[in-house]
Amino acid sequence: RTDFGAPGYGGPCPPPGKPHRYVFSLYALDIDKMDVPNDASGALVGFN
């Protein structure tokens, strides 16, 4: 799940004004599988 409330990519749509940054991060992990539910939040995944 993203902050749009569903899984999948949701593109930029900042309010008018100053441009926003969109940080694409890749993490190499020492585990084969992260055991998180399908509706896990980005913050929960980030913690793991």
All heavy atoms as atom14 arrays in JSON, in Angstrom:
{
  "sequence": "RTDFGAPGYGGPCPPPGKPHRYVFSLYALDIDKMDVPNDASGALVGFN",
  "atom14_mask": [
    [1, 1, 1, 1, 1, 1, 1, 1, 1, 1, 1, 0, 0, 0],
    [1, 1, 1, 1, 1, 1, 1, 0, 0, 0, 0, 0, 0, 0],
    [1, 1, 1, 1, 1, 1, 1, 1, 0, 0, 0, 0, 0, 0],
    [1, 1, 1, 1, 1, 1, 1, 1, 1, 1, 1, 0, 0, 0],
    [1, 1, 1, 1, 0, 0, 0, 0, 0, 0, 0, 0, 0, 0],
    [1, 1, 1, 1, 1, 0, 0, 0, 0, 0, 0, 0, 0, 0],
    [1, 1, 1, 1, 1, 1, 1, 0, 0, 0, 0, 0, 0, 0],
    [1, 1, 1, 1, 0, 0, 0, 0, 0, 0, 0, 0, 0, 0],
    [1, 1, 1, 1, 1, 1, 1, 1, 1, 1, 1, 1, 0, 0],
    [1, 1, 1, 1, 0, 0, 0, 0, 0, 0, 0, 0, 0, 0],
    [1, 1, 1, 1, 0, 0, 0, 0, 0, 0, 0, 0, 0, 0],
    [1, 1, 1, 1, 1, 1, 1, 0, 0, 0, 0, 0, 0, 0],
    [1, 1, 1, 1, 1, 1, 0, 0, 0, 0, 0, 0, 0, 0],
    [1, 1, 1, 1, 1, 1, 1, 0, 0, 0, 0, 0, 0, 0],
    [1, 1, 1, 1, 1, 1, 1, 0, 0, 0, 0, 0, 0, 0],
    [1, 1, 1, 1, 1, 1, 1, 0, 0, 0, 0, 0, 0, 0],
    [1, 1, 1, 1, 0, 0, 0, 0, 0, 0, 0, 0, 0, 0],
    [1, 1, 1, 1, 1, 1, 1, 1, 1, 0, 0, 0, 0, 0],
    [1, 1, 1, 1, 1, 1, 1, 0, 0, 0, 0, 0, 0, 0],
    [1, 1, 1, 1, 1, 1, 1, 1, 1, 1, 0, 0, 0, 0],
    [1, 1, 1, 1, 1, 1, 1, 1, 1, 1, 1, 0, 0, 0],
    [1, 1, 1, 1, 1, 1, 1, 1, 1, 1, 1, 1, 0, 0],
    [1, 1, 1, 1, 1, 1, 1, 0, 0, 0, 0, 0, 0, 0],
    [1, 1, 1, 1, 1, 1, 1, 1, 1, 1, 1, 0, 0, 0],
    [1, 1, 1, 1, 1, 1, 0, 0, 0, 0, 0, 0, 0, 0],
    [1, 1, 1, 1, 1, 1, 1, 1, 0, 0, 0, 0, 0, 0],
    [1, 1, 1, 1, 1, 1, 1, 1, 1, 1, 1, 1, 0, 0],
    [1, 1, 1, 1, 1, 0, 0, 0, 0, 0, 0, 0, 0, 0],
    [1, 1, 1, 1, 1, 1, 1, 1, 0, 0, 0, 0, 0, 0],
    [1, 1, 1, 1, 1, 1, 1, 1, 0, 0, 0, 0, 0, 0],
    [1, 1, 1, 1, 1, 1, 1, 1, 0, 0, 0, 0, 0, 0],
    [1, 1, 1, 1, 1, 1, 1, 1, 0, 0, 0, 0, 0, 0],
    [1, 1, 1, 1, 1, 1, 1, 1, 1, 0, 0, 0, 0, 0],
    [1, 1, 1, 1, 1, 1, 1, 1, 0, 0, 0, 0, 0, 0],
    [1, 1, 1, 1, 1, 1, 1, 1, 0, 0, 0, 0, 0, 0],
    [1, 1, 1, 1, 1, 1, 1, 0, 0, 0, 0, 0, 0, 0],
    [1, 1, 1, 1, 1, 1, 1, 0, 0, 0, 0, 0, 0, 0],
    [1, 1, 1, 1, 1, 1, 1, 1, 0, 0, 0, 0, 0, 0],
    [1, 1, 1, 1, 1, 1, 1, 1, 0, 0, 0, 0, 0, 0],
    [1, 1, 1, 1, 1, 0, 0, 0, 0, 0, 0, 0, 0, 0],
    [1, 1, 1, 1, 1, 1, 0, 0, 0, 0, 0, 0, 0, 0],
    [1, 1, 1, 1, 0, 0, 0, 0, 0, 0, 0, 0, 0, 0],
    [1, 1, 1, 1, 1, 0, 0, 0, 0, 0, 0, 0, 0, 0],
    [1, 1, 1, 1, 1, 1, 1, 1, 0, 0, 0, 0, 0, 0],
    [1, 1, 1, 1, 1, 1, 1, 0, 0, 0, 0, 0, 0, 0],
    [1, 1, 1, 1, 0, 0, 0, 0, 0, 0, 0, 0, 0, 0],
    [1, 1, 1, 1, 1, 1, 1, 1, 1, 1, 1, 0, 0, 0],
    [1, 1, 1, 1, 1, 1, 1, 1, 0, 0, 0, 0, 0, 0]
  ],
  "atom14_positions": [
    [[0.82, -1.21, 0.0], [0.0, 0.0, 0.0], [0.86, 1.26, 0.0], [1.83, 1.38, 0.73], [-0.89, -0.02, 1.24], [-1.82, 1.16, 1.36], [-2.81, 1.01, 2.52], [-2.23, 0.58, 3.76], [-1.74, 1.41, 4.69], [-1.75, 2.71, 4.52], [-1.25, 0.92, 5.81], [0.0, 0.0, 0.0], [0.0, 0.0, 0.0], [0.0, 0.0, 0.0]],
    [[0.46, 2.21, -0.83], [1.09, 3.53, -0.85], [0.21, 4.49, -0.07], [-0.85, 4.11, 0.46], [1.24, 4.04, -2.3], [-0.07, 4.29, -2.82], [1.99, 3.04, -3.16], [0.0, 0.0, 0.0], [0.0, 0.0, 0.0], [0.0, 0.0, 0.0], [0.0, 0.0, 0.0], [0.0, 0.0, 0.0], [0.0, 0.0, 0.0], [0.0, 0.0, 0.0]],
    [[0.59, 5.74, -0.05], [-0.25, 6.74, 0.62], [-1.49, 7.1, -0.18], [-2.33, 7.85, 0.29], [0.57, 7.98, 0.98], [1.46, 7.73, 2.19], [1.18, 6.78, 2.96], [2.45, 8.47, 2.35], [0.0, 0.0, 0.0], [0.0, 0.0, 0.0], [0.0, 0.0, 0.0], [0.0, 0.0, 0.0], [0.0, 0.0, 0.0], [0.0, 0.0, 0.0]],
    [[-1.63, 6.54, -1.38], [-2.89, 6.66, -2.12], [-3.91, 5.64, -1.61], [-5.07, 5.67, -2.0], [-2.66, 6.45, -3.62], [-1.92, 7.58, -4.28], [-0.6, 7.42, -4.66], [-2.54, 8.8, -4.51], [0.09, 8.46, -5.26], [-1.85, 9.84, -5.11], [-0.53, 9.68, -5.49], [0.0, 0.0, 0.0], [0.0, 0.0, 0.0], [0.0, 0.0, 0.0]],
    [[-3.47, 4.69, -0.76], [-4.37, 3.72, -0.15], [-4.41, 2.36, -0.82], [-5.18, 1.5, -0.41], [0.0, 0.0, 0.0], [0.0, 0.0, 0.0], [0.0, 0.0, 0.0], [0.0, 0.0, 0.0], [0.0, 0.0, 0.0], [0.0, 0.0, 0.0], [0.0, 0.0, 0.0], [0.0, 0.0, 0.0], [0.0, 0.0, 0.0], [0.0, 0.0, 0.0]],
    [[-3.62, 2.17, -1.87], [-3.63, 0.9, -2.6], [-2.21, 0.57, -3.06], [-1.36, 1.46, -3.15], [-4.56, 0.99, -3.8], [0.0, 0.0, 0.0], [0.0, 0.0, 0.0], [0.0, 0.0, 0.0], [0.0, 0.0, 0.0], [0.0, 0.0, 0.0], [0.0, 0.0, 0.0], [0.0, 0.0, 0.0], [0.0, 0.0, 0.0], [0.0, 0.0, 0.0]],
    [[-1.94, -0.69, -3.37], [-0.62, -1.04, -3.91], [-0.46, -0.56, -5.34], [-1.45, -0.35, -6.04], [-0.59, -2.57, -3.83], [-2.01, -2.99, -3.78], [-2.78, -1.87, -3.17], [0.0, 0.0, 0.0], [0.0, 0.0, 0.0], [0.0, 0.0, 0.0], [0.0, 0.0, 0.0], [0.0, 0.0, 0.0], [0.0, 0.0, 0.0], [0.0, 0.0, 0.0]],
    [[0.78, -0.38, -5.76], [1.07, 0.04, -7.12], [1.61, 1.46, -7.14], [1.56, 2.19, -6.15], [0.0, 0.0, 0.0], [0.0, 0.0, 0.0], [0.0, 0.0, 0.0], [0.0, 0.0, 0.0], [0.0, 0.0, 0.0], [0.0, 0.0, 0.0], [0.0, 0.0, 0.0], [0.0, 0.0, 0.0], [0.0, 0.0, 0.0], [0.0, 0.0, 0.0]],
    [[2.14, 1.83, -8.28], [2.73, 3.15, -8.46], [1.65, 4.21, -8.57], [0.67, 4.05, -9.29], [3.57, 3.14, -9.75], [4.15, 4.48, -10.13], [5.31, 4.95, -9.53], [3.56, 5.26, -11.12], [5.87, 6.16, -9.91], [4.11, 6.48, -11.5], [5.26, 6.92, -10.89], [5.8, 8.13, -11.26], [0.0, 0.0, 0.0], [0.0, 0.0, 0.0]],
    [[1.85, 5.3, -7.86], [1.02, 6.5, -7.97], [1.94, 7.66, -8.27], [2.82, 7.99, -7.46], [0.0, 0.0, 0.0], [0.0, 0.0, 0.0], [0.0, 0.0, 0.0], [0.0, 0.0, 0.0], [0.0, 0.0, 0.0], [0.0, 0.0, 0.0], [0.0, 0.0, 0.0], [0.0, 0.0, 0.0], [0.0, 0.0, 0.0], [0.0, 0.0, 0.0]],
    [[1.82, 8.26, -9.4], [2.74, 9.3, -9.85], [2.64, 10.61, -9.1], [1.74, 10.82, -8.28], [0.0, 0.0, 0.0], [0.0, 0.0, 0.0], [0.0, 0.0, 0.0], [0.0, 0.0, 0.0], [0.0, 0.0, 0.0], [0.0, 0.0, 0.0], [0.0, 0.0, 0.0], [0.0, 0.0, 0.0], [0.0, 0.0, 0.0], [0.0, 0.0, 0.0]],
    [[3.56, 11.52, -9.4], [3.58, 12.83, -8.76], [2.34, 13.65, -9.07], [1.8, 13.58, -10.17], [4.8, 13.51, -9.37], [5.63, 12.44, -9.96], [4.68, 11.34, -10.31], [0.0, 0.0, 0.0], [0.0, 0.0, 0.0], [0.0, 0.0, 0.0], [0.0, 0.0, 0.0], [0.0, 0.0, 0.0], [0.0, 0.0, 0.0], [0.0, 0.0, 0.0]],
    [[1.93, 14.44, -8.1], [0.85, 15.4, -8.27], [0.92, 16.41, -7.13], [0.01, 16.48, -6.3], [-0.5, 14.69, -8.3], [-1.84, 15.82, -8.74], [0.0, 0.0, 0.0], [0.0, 0.0, 0.0], [0.0, 0.0, 0.0], [0.0, 0.0, 0.0], [0.0, 0.0, 0.0], [0.0, 0.0, 0.0], [0.0, 0.0, 0.0], [0.0, 0.0, 0.0]],
    [[2.02, 17.16, -7.05], [2.16, 18.1, -5.94], [1.22, 19.28, -6.11], [0.75, 19.55, -7.21], [3.62, 18.56, -6.07], [3.88, 18.49, -7.53], [3.12, 17.27, -8.0], [0.0, 0.0, 0.0], [0.0, 0.0, 0.0], [0.0, 0.0, 0.0], [0.0, 0.0, 0.0], [0.0, 0.0, 0.0], [0.0, 0.0, 0.0], [0.0, 0.0, 0.0]],
    [[0.94, 19.98, -5.02], [0.15, 21.2, -5.17], [0.92, 22.22, -6.01], [2.14, 22.15, -6.1], [-0.03, 21.68, -3.72], [0.99, 20.98, -2.92], [1.36, 19.74, -3.65], [0.0, 0.0, 0.0], [0.0, 0.0, 0.0], [0.0, 0.0, 0.0], [0.0, 0.0, 0.0], [0.0, 0.0, 0.0], [0.0, 0.0, 0.0], [0.0, 0.0, 0.0]],
    [[0.21, 23.13, -6.65], [0.9, 24.16, -7.43], [1.91, 24.92, -6.57], [1.69, 25.13, -5.38], [-0.23, 25.08, -7.89], [-1.44, 24.2, -7.89], [-1.25, 23.27, -6.73], [0.0, 0.0, 0.0], [0.0, 0.0, 0.0], [0.0, 0.0, 0.0], [0.0, 0.0, 0.0], [0.0, 0.0, 0.0], [0.0, 0.0, 0.0], [0.0, 0.0, 0.0]],
    [[3.0, 25.29, -7.19], [4.06, 26.0, -6.47], [5.4, 25.36, -6.73], [5.7, 24.93, -7.84], [0.0, 0.0, 0.0], [0.0, 0.0, 0.0], [0.0, 0.0, 0.0], [0.0, 0.0, 0.0], [0.0, 0.0, 0.0], [0.0, 0.0, 0.0], [0.0, 0.0, 0.0], [0.0, 0.0, 0.0], [0.0, 0.0, 0.0], [0.0, 0.0, 0.0]],
    [[6.19, 25.27, -5.71], [7.55, 24.74, -5.8], [7.53, 23.26, -6.21], [6.77, 22.47, -5.66], [8.23, 24.9, -4.45], [9.67, 24.45, -4.44], [10.3, 24.62, -3.06], [11.7, 24.05, -3.07], [12.31, 24.09, -1.77], [0.0, 0.0, 0.0], [0.0, 0.0, 0.0], [0.0, 0.0, 0.0], [0.0, 0.0, 0.0], [0.0, 0.0, 0.0]],
    [[8.4, 22.86, -7.17], [8.49, 21.44, -7.53], [8.89, 20.57, -6.33], [9.61, 21.03, -5.44], [9.59, 21.42, -8.6], [9.65, 22.8, -9.13], [9.29, 23.7, -7.98], [0.0, 0.0, 0.0], [0.0, 0.0, 0.0], [0.0, 0.0, 0.0], [0.0, 0.0, 0.0], [0.0, 0.0, 0.0], [0.0, 0.0, 0.0], [0.0, 0.0, 0.0]],
    [[8.4, 19.35, -6.34], [8.74, 18.39, -5.3], [9.8, 17.43, -5.83], [9.92, 17.2, -7.02], [7.52, 17.59, -4.88], [6.57, 18.36, -4.03], [5.69, 17.76, -3.17], [6.35, 19.7, -3.9], [4.97, 18.68, -2.55], [5.35, 19.87, -2.98], [0.0, 0.0, 0.0], [0.0, 0.0, 0.0], [0.0, 0.0, 0.0], [0.0, 0.0, 0.0]],
    [[10.53, 16.8, -4.89], [11.51, 15.77, -5.23], [10.84, 14.4, -5.08], [10.09, 14.17, -4.13], [12.7, 15.84, -4.29], [13.5, 17.12, -4.43], [14.48, 17.28, -3.3], [13.71, 17.51, -2.06], [14.18, 17.28, -0.84], [15.38, 16.81, -0.65], [13.43, 17.53, 0.22], [0.0, 0.0, 0.0], [0.0, 0.0, 0.0], [0.0, 0.0, 0.0]],
    [[11.17, 13.51, -6.0], [10.67, 12.13, -5.96], [11.89, 11.23, -5.91], [12.63, 11.1, -6.89], [9.75, 11.85, -7.17], [8.56, 12.76, -7.06], [8.58, 14.04, -7.62], [7.47, 12.4, -6.27], [7.53, 14.91, -7.43], [6.41, 13.28, -6.1], [6.45, 14.53, -6.67], [5.41, 15.4, -6.46], [0.0, 0.0, 0.0], [0.0, 0.0, 0.0]],
    [[12.13, 10.68, -4.72], [13.33, 9.92, -4.45], [13.04, 8.43, -4.68], [12.25, 7.83, -3.93], [13.82, 10.16, -3.01], [15.11, 9.4, -2.74], [13.99, 11.66, -2.74], [0.0, 0.0, 0.0], [0.0, 0.0, 0.0], [0.0, 0.0, 0.0], [0.0, 0.0, 0.0], [0.0, 0.0, 0.0], [0.0, 0.0, 0.0], [0.0, 0.0, 0.0]],
    [[13.66, 7.88, -5.72], [13.56, 6.45, -6.01], [14.75, 5.8, -5.33], [15.9, 6.11, -5.65], [13.58, 6.2, -7.52], [12.35, 6.68, -8.22], [12.21, 8.0, -8.61], [11.31, 5.79, -8.49], [11.07, 8.44, -9.26], [10.16, 6.22, -9.14], [10.04, 7.56, -9.52], [0.0, 0.0, 0.0], [0.0, 0.0, 0.0], [0.0, 0.0, 0.0]],
    [[14.49, 4.91, -4.39], [15.55, 4.25, -3.63], [15.52, 2.76, -3.88], [14.44, 2.15, -3.91], [15.37, 4.5, -2.13], [15.44, 5.88, -1.84], [0.0, 0.0, 0.0], [0.0, 0.0, 0.0], [0.0, 0.0, 0.0], [0.0, 0.0, 0.0], [0.0, 0.0, 0.0], [0.0, 0.0, 0.0], [0.0, 0.0, 0.0], [0.0, 0.0, 0.0]],
    [[16.69, 2.19, -4.04], [16.88, 0.76, -4.18], [17.65, 0.28, -2.97], [18.67, 0.87, -2.62], [17.67, 0.45, -5.45], [18.17, -0.99, -5.58], [17.02, -1.92, -5.94], [19.29, -1.09, -6.59], [0.0, 0.0, 0.0], [0.0, 0.0, 0.0], [0.0, 0.0, 0.0], [0.0, 0.0, 0.0], [0.0, 0.0, 0.0], [0.0, 0.0, 0.0]],
    [[17.17, -0.78, -2.35], [17.84, -1.37, -1.21], [18.22, -2.8, -1.52], [17.37, -3.59, -1.95], [16.92, -1.36, 0.02], [16.54, 0.03, 0.45], [15.43, 0.67, -0.07], [17.32, 0.71, 1.39], [15.09, 1.95, 0.32], [16.98, 2.0, 1.78], [15.86, 2.61, 1.24], [15.54, 3.88, 1.62], [0.0, 0.0, 0.0], [0.0, 0.0, 0.0]],
    [[19.48, -3.14, -1.29], [19.94, -4.53, -1.33], [19.75, -5.06, 0.1], [20.2, -4.44, 1.07], [21.4, -4.59, -1.74], [0.0, 0.0, 0.0], [0.0, 0.0, 0.0], [0.0, 0.0, 0.0], [0.0, 0.0, 0.0], [0.0, 0.0, 0.0], [0.0, 0.0, 0.0], [0.0, 0.0, 0.0], [0.0, 0.0, 0.0], [0.0, 0.0, 0.0]],
    [[19.05, -6.18, 0.21], [18.69, -6.71, 1.52], [19.33, -8.07, 1.78], [19.58, -8.83, 0.84], [17.16, -6.84, 1.62], [16.37, -5.57, 1.34], [14.88, -5.86, 1.35], [16.73, -4.47, 2.32], [0.0, 0.0, 0.0], [0.0, 0.0, 0.0], [0.0, 0.0, 0.0], [0.0, 0.0, 0.0], [0.0, 0.0, 0.0], [0.0, 0.0, 0.0]],
    [[19.55, -8.37, 3.05], [20.16, -9.65, 3.44], [19.13, -10.73, 3.75], [19.44, -11.72, 4.41], [21.1, -9.45, 4.64], [20.39, -9.0, 5.91], [19.14, -8.87, 5.92], [21.09, -8.77, 6.91], [0.0, 0.0, 0.0], [0.0, 0.0, 0.0], [0.0, 0.0, 0.0], [0.0, 0.0, 0.0], [0.0, 0.0, 0.0], [0.0, 0.0, 0.0]],
    [[17.91, -10.56, 3.27], [16.84, -11.56, 3.45], [16.24, -11.89, 2.09], [16.19, -11.03, 1.21], [15.73, -11.08, 4.42], [15.18, -9.71, 3.98], [16.24, -11.03, 5.85], [13.99, -9.22, 4.78], [0.0, 0.0, 0.0], [0.0, 0.0, 0.0], [0.0, 0.0, 0.0], [0.0, 0.0, 0.0], [0.0, 0.0, 0.0], [0.0, 0.0, 0.0]],
    [[15.78, -13.13, 1.92], [15.15, -13.55, 0.67], [13.78, -12.94, 0.5], [13.37, -12.61, -0.6], [15.0, -15.07, 0.62], [16.33, -15.78, 0.53], [17.19, -15.34, -0.25], [16.5, -16.79, 1.24], [0.0, 0.0, 0.0], [0.0, 0.0, 0.0], [0.0, 0.0, 0.0], [0.0, 0.0, 0.0], [0.0, 0.0, 0.0], [0.0, 0.0, 0.0]],
    [[13.07, -12.84, 1.62], [11.68, -12.38, 1.57], [11.37, -11.55, 2.8], [11.7, -11.94, 3.92], [10.74, -13.59, 1.5], [9.29, -13.22, 1.4], [8.39, -14.43, 1.31], [6.95, -13.96, 1.23], [6.01, -15.03, 1.45], [0.0, 0.0, 0.0], [0.0, 0.0, 0.0], [0.0, 0.0, 0.0], [0.0, 0.0, 0.0], [0.0, 0.0, 0.0]],
    [[10.71, -10.42, 2.58], [10.23, -9.61, 3.69], [8.81, -10.04, 3.99], [7.94, -9.96, 3.13], [10.28, -8.12, 3.31], [9.93, -7.22, 4.47], [10.1, -5.47, 4.05], [11.85, -5.36, 3.78], [0.0, 0.0, 0.0], [0.0, 0.0, 0.0], [0.0, 0.0, 0.0], [0.0, 0.0, 0.0], [0.0, 0.0, 0.0], [0.0, 0.0, 0.0]],
    [[8.6, -10.49, 5.19], [7.29, -10.98, 5.6], [6.42, -9.82, 6.08], [6.38, -9.52, 7.27], [7.44, -12.0, 6.72], [6.87, -13.34, 6.34], [6.27, -13.45, 5.26], [7.03, -14.28, 7.14], [0.0, 0.0, 0.0], [0.0, 0.0, 0.0], [0.0, 0.0, 0.0], [0.0, 0.0, 0.0], [0.0, 0.0, 0.0], [0.0, 0.0, 0.0]],
    [[5.78, -9.15, 5.14], [4.87, -8.06, 5.48], [3.54, -8.33, 4.79], [3.5, -8.94, 3.72], [5.42, -6.68, 5.06], [6.65, -6.3, 5.87], [5.72, -6.61, 3.58], [0.0, 0.0, 0.0], [0.0, 0.0, 0.0], [0.0, 0.0, 0.0], [0.0, 0.0, 0.0], [0.0, 0.0, 0.0], [0.0, 0.0, 0.0], [0.0, 0.0, 0.0]],
    [[2.43, -7.88, 5.38], [1.14, -8.07, 4.72], [1.02, -7.21, 3.47], [1.72, -6.19, 3.33], [0.13, -7.65, 5.79], [0.87, -6.81, 6.76], [2.31, -7.23, 6.68], [0.0, 0.0, 0.0], [0.0, 0.0, 0.0], [0.0, 0.0, 0.0], [0.0, 0.0, 0.0], [0.0, 0.0, 0.0], [0.0, 0.0, 0.0], [0.0, 0.0, 0.0]],
    [[0.13, -7.59, 2.58], [-0.1, -6.84, 1.33], [-0.5, -5.4, 1.59], [-0.26, -4.54, 0.75], [-1.18, -7.51, 0.49], [-0.75, -8.85, -0.03], [0.37, -9.3, 0.2], [-1.64, -9.52, -0.74], [0.0, 0.0, 0.0], [0.0, 0.0, 0.0], [0.0, 0.0, 0.0], [0.0, 0.0, 0.0], [0.0, 0.0, 0.0], [0.0, 0.0, 0.0]],
    [[-1.14, -5.14, 2.72], [-1.58, -3.78, 3.02], [-0.63, -3.04, 3.97], [-1.0, -2.04, 4.57], [-3.01, -3.79, 3.57], [-3.1, -4.45, 4.93], [-2.15, -5.15, 5.35], [-4.14, -4.27, 5.6], [0.0, 0.0, 0.0], [0.0, 0.0, 0.0], [0.0, 0.0, 0.0], [0.0, 0.0, 0.0], [0.0, 0.0, 0.0], [0.0, 0.0, 0.0]],
    [[0.61, -3.53, 4.06], [1.6, -2.85, 4.9], [1.81, -1.42, 4.4], [1.74, -1.15, 3.19], [2.92, -3.61, 4.87], [0.0, 0.0, 0.0], [0.0, 0.0, 0.0], [0.0, 0.0, 0.0], [0.0, 0.0, 0.0], [0.0, 0.0, 0.0], [0.0, 0.0, 0.0], [0.0, 0.0, 0.0], [0.0, 0.0, 0.0], [0.0, 0.0, 0.0]],
    [[2.09, -0.53, 5.3], [2.37, 0.86, 4.93], [3.82, 1.01, 4.5], [4.67, 0.17, 4.82], [2.1, 1.78, 6.12], [3.06, 1.53, 7.14], [0.0, 0.0, 0.0], [0.0, 0.0, 0.0], [0.0, 0.0, 0.0], [0.0, 0.0, 0.0], [0.0, 0.0, 0.0], [0.0, 0.0, 0.0], [0.0, 0.0, 0.0], [0.0, 0.0, 0.0]],
    [[4.12, 2.1, 3.8], [5.5, 2.39, 3.43], [6.38, 2.53, 4.66], [7.54, 2.11, 4.66], [0.0, 0.0, 0.0], [0.0, 0.0, 0.0], [0.0, 0.0, 0.0], [0.0, 0.0, 0.0], [0.0, 0.0, 0.0], [0.0, 0.0, 0.0], [0.0, 0.0, 0.0], [0.0, 0.0, 0.0], [0.0, 0.0, 0.0], [0.0, 0.0, 0.0]],
    [[5.84, 3.11, 5.72], [6.62, 3.27, 6.95], [6.98, 1.92, 7.58], [8.11, 1.72, 8.03], [5.86, 4.13, 7.95], [0.0, 0.0, 0.0], [0.0, 0.0, 0.0], [0.0, 0.0, 0.0], [0.0, 0.0, 0.0], [0.0, 0.0, 0.0], [0.0, 0.0, 0.0], [0.0, 0.0, 0.0], [0.0, 0.0, 0.0], [0.0, 0.0, 0.0]],
    [[6.04, 0.98, 7.58], [6.32, -0.35, 8.13], [7.38, -1.05, 7.29], [8.33, -1.64, 7.82], [5.05, -1.2, 8.2], [5.25, -2.64, 8.67], [5.81, -2.7, 10.08], [3.95, -3.42, 8.56], [0.0, 0.0, 0.0], [0.0, 0.0, 0.0], [0.0, 0.0, 0.0], [0.0, 0.0, 0.0], [0.0, 0.0, 0.0], [0.0, 0.0, 0.0]],
    [[7.24, -0.98, 5.98], [8.24, -1.58, 5.1], [9.59, -0.9, 5.31], [10.63, -1.56, 5.4], [7.8, -1.51, 3.63], [8.93, -1.89, 2.69], [6.6, -2.41, 3.4], [0.0, 0.0, 0.0], [0.0, 0.0, 0.0], [0.0, 0.0, 0.0], [0.0, 0.0, 0.0], [0.0, 0.0, 0.0], [0.0, 0.0, 0.0], [0.0, 0.0, 0.0]],
    [[9.59, 0.43, 5.42], [10.83, 1.16, 5.66], [11.53, 0.73, 6.93], [12.76, 0.61, 6.97], [0.0, 0.0, 0.0], [0.0, 0.0, 0.0], [0.0, 0.0, 0.0], [0.0, 0.0, 0.0], [0.0, 0.0, 0.0], [0.0, 0.0, 0.0], [0.0, 0.0, 0.0], [0.0, 0.0, 0.0], [0.0, 0.0, 0.0], [0.0, 0.0, 0.0]],
    [[10.77, 0.46, 7.97], [11.34, -0.03, 9.23], [12.03, -1.37, 9.0], [13.16, -1.59, 9.46], [10.22, -0.18, 10.28], [10.7, -0.74, 11.58], [11.27, 0.09, 12.54], [10.57, -2.09, 11.85], [11.72, -0.44, 13.75], [11.02, -2.61, 13.06], [11.59, -1.79, 14.0], [0.0, 0.0, 0.0], [0.0, 0.0, 0.0], [0.0, 0.0, 0.0]],
    [[11.38, -2.27, 8.28], [11.96, -3.58, 7.99], [13.16, -3.48, 7.06], [14.14, -4.22, 7.22], [10.9, -4.51, 7.4], [9.97, -5.05, 8.47], [10.33, -5.91, 9.23], [8.77, -4.5, 8.52], [0.0, 0.0, 0.0], [0.0, 0.0, 0.0], [0.0, 0.0, 0.0], [0.0, 0.0, 0.0], [0.0, 0.0, 0.0], [0.0, 0.0, 0.0]]
  ]
}
